[in-house]
Protein backbone atom coordinates (compact mmCIF):
# COMPACT_ATOMS: atom_id res chain seq x y z
CA MET A 1 0.00 0.00 0.00
CA THR A 2 1.32 3.41 -0.88
CA ARG A 3 1.46 6.17 1.69
CA GLU A 4 -1.28 8.04 -0.16
CA ALA A 5 -3.52 4.97 -0.19
CA GLY A 6 -2.76 4.43 3.50
CA GLU A 7 -3.69 8.01 4.37
CA LYS A 8 -6.93 7.68 2.41
CA ALA A 9 -7.75 4.39 4.18
CA LEU A 10 -6.97 5.97 7.58
CA ALA A 11 -9.21 8.94 6.79
CA GLN A 12 -12.07 6.59 5.93
CA CYS A 13 -11.55 4.60 9.13
CA ARG A 14 -11.51 7.81 11.16
CA GLU A 15 -14.75 8.96 9.54
CA ARG A 16 -16.34 5.65 10.55
CA ILE A 17 -14.98 6.05 14.11
CA ASP A 18 -16.39 9.60 14.31
CA GLU A 19 -19.81 8.35 13.19
CA LEU A 20 -19.70 5.52 15.74
CA ASP A 21 -18.71 7.99 18.46
CA ARG A 22 -21.73 10.15 17.61
CA ARG A 23 -23.97 7.08 17.78
CA LEU A 24 -22.41 6.04 21.09
CA VAL A 25 -22.97 9.44 22.68
CA ASN A 26 -26.59 9.38 21.51
CA LEU A 27 -27.05 5.91 23.02
CA LEU A 28 -25.39 7.00 26.27
CA ASN A 29 -27.72 10.00 26.46
CA GLU A 30 -30.69 7.72 25.84
CA ARG A 31 -29.42 5.49 28.66
CA SER A 32 -29.04 8.59 30.84
CA ARG A 33 -32.67 9.56 30.33
CA ILE A 34 -33.76 6.08 31.42
CA VAL A 35 -31.43 6.28 34.43
CA GLU A 36 -33.01 9.61 35.37
CA GLU A 37 -36.43 7.95 35.30
CA ILE A 38 -35.12 5.09 37.44
CA GLY A 39 -33.73 7.65 39.88
CA ARG A 40 -37.07 9.44 40.02
CA ILE A 41 -38.87 6.17 40.75
CA LYS A 42 -36.33 5.18 43.40
CA GLY A 43 -36.62 8.60 45.01
CA GLU A 44 -40.39 8.43 45.14
CA CYS A 45 -40.23 4.95 46.65
CA GLY A 46 -37.43 5.76 49.10
CA MET A 47 -35.13 3.20 47.49
CA ARG A 48 -31.35 3.30 47.50
CA ILE A 49 -29.48 4.28 44.34
CA TYR A 50 -26.72 1.73 44.70
CA GLU A 51 -27.86 -1.81 43.92
CA PRO A 52 -24.80 -4.07 43.67
CA ARG A 53 -26.87 -7.07 42.58
CA ARG A 54 -28.38 -5.16 39.65
CA GLU A 55 -25.00 -3.79 38.64
CA GLU A 56 -23.62 -7.32 38.58
CA GLU A 57 -26.55 -8.37 36.38
CA VAL A 58 -25.73 -5.56 33.94
CA LEU A 59 -22.07 -6.56 33.80
CA ARG A 60 -22.93 -10.22 33.36
CA ASN A 61 -25.28 -9.29 30.50
CA ILE A 62 -22.48 -7.32 28.82
CA GLU A 63 -20.06 -10.22 29.14
CA GLU A 64 -22.61 -12.68 27.76
CA HIS A 65 -23.24 -10.50 24.70
CA ASN A 66 -19.67 -9.44 24.05
CA GLY A 67 -18.61 -11.15 20.84
CA GLY A 68 -15.19 -9.50 20.74
CA PRO A 69 -12.67 -8.58 19.67
CA MET A 70 -12.77 -6.50 22.85
CA GLY A 71 -12.10 -8.74 25.82
CA HIS A 72 -14.53 -9.25 28.68
CA ASP A 73 -12.27 -7.44 31.15
CA ALA A 74 -12.09 -4.36 28.92
CA ALA A 75 -15.87 -4.37 28.36
CA ARG A 76 -16.41 -4.76 32.09
CA ARG A 77 -14.14 -1.80 32.91
CA ILE A 78 -15.92 0.41 30.36
CA PHE A 79 -19.34 -0.49 31.71
CA GLU A 80 -18.23 -0.11 35.32
CA ARG A 81 -17.32 3.45 34.41
CA ILE A 82 -20.63 4.00 32.62
CA ILE A 83 -22.52 2.62 35.62
CA ASP A 84 -20.54 4.87 37.97
CA GLU A 85 -21.38 7.94 35.89
CA MET A 86 -25.04 6.94 35.73
CA ARG A 87 -25.15 6.49 39.51
CA THR A 88 -23.70 10.00 39.88
CA LEU A 89 -26.39 11.31 37.53
CA GLN A 90 -29.09 9.65 39.64
CA LYS A 91 -27.68 11.20 42.81
CA LEU A 92 -27.56 14.65 41.24
CA ARG A 93 -31.12 14.40 39.93
CA MET A 94 -32.38 13.18 43.28
CA GLU A 95 -30.61 16.08 45.02
CA ASP A 96 -32.07 18.53 42.49
CA SER A 97 -35.49 17.03 43.11
CA ARG A 98 -35.15 17.43 46.88
CA ASP A 99 -33.89 20.99 46.46
CA GLY A 100 -36.91 21.75 44.27
CA ASP A 101 -39.21 20.49 47.00
CA LYS A 102 -37.68 23.00 49.45
CA SER A 103 -38.44 26.01 47.22
């Protein structure tokens, strides 16, 4: 492959990555909206945000559906981070909700 052909191929790959990144951020925002709803329900019911059993179910589901080439450990670390950020979002929304009740 010539350098010019390589640069063209890289540019095409990067365009595909950029498109995937846009799709991923849209999916993560969709997930965030659902998490906000879950947080609202938990708040209304007086339930705790942190549910280790449910988080383990999510991670197990990811591992079961991971067809590679990304390894299970890598997928798990990524989703642990996503779960952590979603838990933070729930806490913030619940705090905002409580603050709104005080007004």
